[in-house]
Structures are given as structure tokens and as C-alpha cells.
N, C-alpha and C. Protein backbone atom coordinates (compact mmCIF):
# COMPACT_ATOMS: atom_id res chain seq x y z
N MET A 1 157.29 42.81 155.78
CA MET A 1 156.33 42.57 156.85
C MET A 1 155.12 43.49 156.65
N ALA A 2 153.95 42.92 156.74
CA ALA A 2 152.71 43.68 156.57
C ALA A 2 152.49 44.57 157.80
N PRO A 3 151.93 45.76 157.58
CA PRO A 3 151.68 46.64 158.73
C PRO A 3 150.61 46.06 159.65
N ARG A 4 150.76 46.32 160.94
CA ARG A 4 149.78 45.83 161.91
C ARG A 4 148.48 46.63 161.81
N PHE A 5 148.60 47.94 161.59
CA PHE A 5 147.43 48.81 161.55
C PHE A 5 147.22 49.37 160.15
N LEU A 6 145.96 49.52 159.79
CA LEU A 6 145.57 50.05 158.49
C LEU A 6 144.85 51.38 158.69
N THR A 7 145.00 52.27 157.73
CA THR A 7 144.23 53.51 157.75
C THR A 7 142.83 53.21 157.21
N LEU A 8 141.92 54.16 157.40
CA LEU A 8 140.59 53.96 156.82
C LEU A 8 140.65 53.96 155.30
N ALA A 9 141.61 54.69 154.74
CA ALA A 9 141.79 54.65 153.28
C ALA A 9 142.16 53.24 152.84
N ASP A 10 143.01 52.55 153.61
CA ASP A 10 143.35 51.16 153.31
C ASP A 10 142.11 50.28 153.37
N VAL A 11 141.30 50.48 154.41
CA VAL A 11 140.08 49.68 154.60
C VAL A 11 139.12 49.89 153.44
N THR A 12 138.95 51.15 153.02
CA THR A 12 138.03 51.42 151.91
C THR A 12 138.51 50.73 150.64
N GLU A 13 139.82 50.70 150.43
CA GLU A 13 140.36 50.05 149.24
C GLU A 13 140.20 48.54 149.32
N ILE A 14 140.52 47.96 150.45
CA ILE A 14 140.44 46.51 150.62
C ILE A 14 139.00 46.02 150.47
N LEU A 15 138.04 46.73 151.11
CA LEU A 15 136.64 46.31 151.07
C LEU A 15 135.88 46.87 149.87
N ASN A 16 136.54 47.77 149.12
CA ASN A 16 135.90 48.43 147.98
C ASN A 16 134.60 49.12 148.40
N ILE A 17 134.73 49.96 149.44
CA ILE A 17 133.60 50.72 149.96
C ILE A 17 133.97 52.20 149.98
N SER A 18 133.00 53.05 150.23
CA SER A 18 133.26 54.49 150.29
C SER A 18 133.82 54.87 151.66
N THR A 19 134.40 56.05 151.71
CA THR A 19 134.92 56.57 152.98
C THR A 19 133.83 56.70 154.04
N PRO A 20 132.64 57.27 153.69
CA PRO A 20 131.58 57.33 154.71
C PRO A 20 131.15 55.95 155.21
N GLN A 21 131.16 54.95 154.35
CA GLN A 21 130.81 53.60 154.80
C GLN A 21 131.85 53.08 155.79
N ALA A 22 133.12 53.34 155.53
CA ALA A 22 134.17 52.89 156.45
C ALA A 22 134.04 53.59 157.80
N TYR A 23 133.80 54.91 157.78
CA TYR A 23 133.60 55.64 159.03
C TYR A 23 132.41 55.08 159.80
N ALA A 24 131.34 54.77 159.10
CA ALA A 24 130.16 54.21 159.77
C ALA A 24 130.48 52.88 160.43
N LEU A 25 131.26 52.04 159.78
CA LEU A 25 131.62 50.75 160.36
C LEU A 25 132.40 50.90 161.66
N VAL A 26 133.33 51.85 161.70
CA VAL A 26 134.12 52.01 162.93
C VAL A 26 133.35 52.78 164.00
N ARG A 27 132.56 53.74 163.60
CA ARG A 27 131.79 54.52 164.59
C ARG A 27 130.74 53.68 165.30
N THR A 28 130.16 52.71 164.59
CA THR A 28 129.16 51.85 165.21
C THR A 28 129.78 50.71 165.99
N GLY A 29 131.09 50.51 165.81
CA GLY A 29 131.77 49.41 166.48
C GLY A 29 131.69 48.10 165.73
N GLU A 30 131.05 48.11 164.57
CA GLU A 30 130.96 46.89 163.77
C GLU A 30 132.35 46.44 163.34
N LEU A 31 133.21 47.41 163.05
CA LEU A 31 134.61 47.14 162.73
C LEU A 31 135.45 47.82 163.82
N PRO A 32 135.99 47.05 164.76
CA PRO A 32 136.75 47.63 165.86
C PRO A 32 137.96 48.42 165.34
N ALA A 33 138.16 49.61 165.91
CA ALA A 33 139.26 50.48 165.51
C ALA A 33 139.67 51.33 166.70
N ILE A 34 140.81 51.97 166.55
CA ILE A 34 141.30 52.89 167.58
C ILE A 34 141.55 54.24 166.93
N GLN A 35 141.59 55.27 167.77
CA GLN A 35 141.97 56.59 167.30
C GLN A 35 143.33 56.92 167.89
N VAL A 36 144.23 57.41 167.03
CA VAL A 36 145.59 57.70 167.46
C VAL A 36 146.01 59.09 167.00
N GLY A 37 147.02 59.60 167.65
CA GLY A 37 147.61 60.87 167.25
C GLY A 37 146.81 62.07 167.69
N GLY A 38 147.39 63.24 167.47
CA GLY A 38 146.76 64.49 167.87
C GLY A 38 145.47 64.78 167.13
N ARG A 39 145.32 64.22 165.96
CA ARG A 39 144.11 64.46 165.17
C ARG A 39 143.12 63.30 165.29
N ASN A 40 143.40 62.36 166.19
CA ASN A 40 142.52 61.21 166.41
C ASN A 40 142.16 60.48 165.13
N GLN A 41 143.16 60.14 164.37
CA GLN A 41 142.94 59.40 163.13
C GLN A 41 142.64 57.94 163.44
N TRP A 42 141.69 57.38 162.72
CA TRP A 42 141.29 56.00 162.93
C TRP A 42 142.33 55.04 162.37
N ARG A 43 142.55 53.95 163.11
CA ARG A 43 143.41 52.86 162.65
C ARG A 43 142.69 51.54 162.95
N VAL A 44 142.76 50.64 162.00
CA VAL A 44 142.12 49.32 162.13
C VAL A 44 143.22 48.27 162.11
N GLU A 45 143.22 47.43 163.12
CA GLU A 45 144.22 46.37 163.16
C GLU A 45 143.89 45.35 162.06
N GLN A 46 144.92 44.90 161.35
CA GLN A 46 144.74 43.95 160.25
C GLN A 46 143.92 42.74 160.69
N SER A 47 144.21 42.21 161.88
CA SER A 47 143.49 41.03 162.37
C SER A 47 142.01 41.33 162.61
N GLU A 48 141.69 42.56 163.03
CA GLU A 48 140.28 42.94 163.23
C GLU A 48 139.55 43.02 161.89
N LEU A 49 140.24 43.51 160.87
CA LEU A 49 139.62 43.56 159.55
C LEU A 49 139.36 42.15 159.04
N GLU A 50 140.31 41.24 159.23
CA GLU A 50 140.11 39.85 158.81
C GLU A 50 138.96 39.21 159.57
N SER A 51 138.86 39.49 160.87
CA SER A 51 137.74 38.95 161.67
C SER A 51 136.41 39.50 161.17
N TYR A 52 136.38 40.79 160.84
CA TYR A 52 135.17 41.40 160.30
C TYR A 52 134.76 40.71 159.00
N ILE A 53 135.72 40.49 158.12
CA ILE A 53 135.43 39.84 156.84
C ILE A 53 134.86 38.44 157.08
N GLN A 54 135.45 37.69 158.00
CA GLN A 54 134.94 36.35 158.30
C GLN A 54 133.52 36.41 158.85
N ARG A 55 133.24 37.39 159.73
CA ARG A 55 131.87 37.54 160.27
C ARG A 55 130.89 37.83 159.14
N MET A 56 131.29 38.64 158.20
CA MET A 56 130.40 38.97 157.08
C MET A 56 130.14 37.74 156.21
N TYR A 57 131.16 36.90 156.01
CA TYR A 57 130.95 35.64 155.29
C TYR A 57 129.95 34.76 156.02
N GLU A 58 130.12 34.64 157.34
CA GLU A 58 129.22 33.81 158.15
C GLU A 58 127.79 34.34 158.10
N GLN A 59 127.63 35.65 158.22
CA GLN A 59 126.29 36.25 158.17
C GLN A 59 125.66 36.05 156.80
N THR A 60 126.46 36.16 155.75
CA THR A 60 125.94 35.97 154.40
C THR A 60 125.50 34.53 154.20
N ARG A 61 126.32 33.57 154.64
CA ARG A 61 125.94 32.16 154.52
C ARG A 61 124.65 31.88 155.28
N ALA A 62 124.52 32.42 156.49
CA ALA A 62 123.32 32.21 157.30
C ALA A 62 122.09 32.81 156.62
N ARG A 63 122.24 34.01 156.05
CA ARG A 63 121.12 34.65 155.37
C ARG A 63 120.70 33.87 154.13
N ILE A 64 121.66 33.38 153.38
CA ILE A 64 121.35 32.58 152.18
C ILE A 64 120.64 31.30 152.58
N ALA A 65 121.11 30.66 153.65
CA ALA A 65 120.48 29.43 154.11
C ALA A 65 119.05 29.70 154.58
N ALA A 66 118.85 30.79 155.31
CA ALA A 66 117.51 31.15 155.78
C ALA A 66 116.59 31.45 154.61
N ASP A 67 117.10 32.16 153.61
CA ASP A 67 116.30 32.47 152.43
C ASP A 67 115.91 31.19 151.69
N ALA A 68 116.85 30.26 151.60
CA ALA A 68 116.58 28.99 150.91
C ALA A 68 115.49 28.21 151.65
N GLU A 69 115.55 28.21 152.97
CA GLU A 69 114.53 27.51 153.76
C GLU A 69 113.17 28.16 153.60
N ALA A 70 113.17 29.47 153.42
CA ALA A 70 111.91 30.20 153.27
C ALA A 70 111.39 30.13 151.83
N GLY A 71 112.16 29.55 150.94
CA GLY A 71 111.72 29.40 149.56
C GLY A 71 112.10 30.52 148.64
N HIS A 72 112.94 31.44 149.11
CA HIS A 72 113.43 32.51 148.25
C HIS A 72 114.58 31.98 147.41
N THR A 73 114.56 32.29 146.13
CA THR A 73 115.60 31.74 145.25
C THR A 73 116.55 32.78 144.72
N SER A 74 116.23 34.06 144.85
CA SER A 74 117.13 35.08 144.29
C SER A 74 118.03 35.65 145.37
N ILE A 75 119.22 36.07 144.95
CA ILE A 75 120.16 36.71 145.84
C ILE A 75 120.23 38.17 145.45
N ASP A 76 119.96 39.06 146.41
CA ASP A 76 119.98 40.50 146.14
C ASP A 76 121.33 41.08 146.40
């Protein structure tokens, strides 16, 4: 059975991002997370990470479509 909650280290590995980037995502609320334990360690629910990934796909598709309408042909 897959764990319900992921550590930020798990998130950084899954998204292939740096630790500061992962902290920024949860601190801004872009990636919903909770703090648990005496040291207030961040945990991200697996379903929230999947929702975040889907939102990023949707935003990327919308940006590509907008760029295409504006006549931009390159993807940065």
C-alpha cells in the first residue's frame, strides 16, 4: 500500500526539483501541505501532489495554446 503522506524529500524526488523549490511550493500554498510532529515537518498528501501535477499540466496546455494564438512558435 502506498503511503498517504509524502515527505518534502519525496516531493523533490518525484518532481525532480530542489529542496528550496519544494519549500516554496508549500509555503506559498501552491502545493497544499501540513506540518506534523514536534519539529513541524512538512507532509504532502499523495492526492494533493497528484492534483498539483494535473493543475500544472492544465496551466501548461493553456499557456501553449495562448502562445500559439499569439503567433509564438517556440517553447521555453
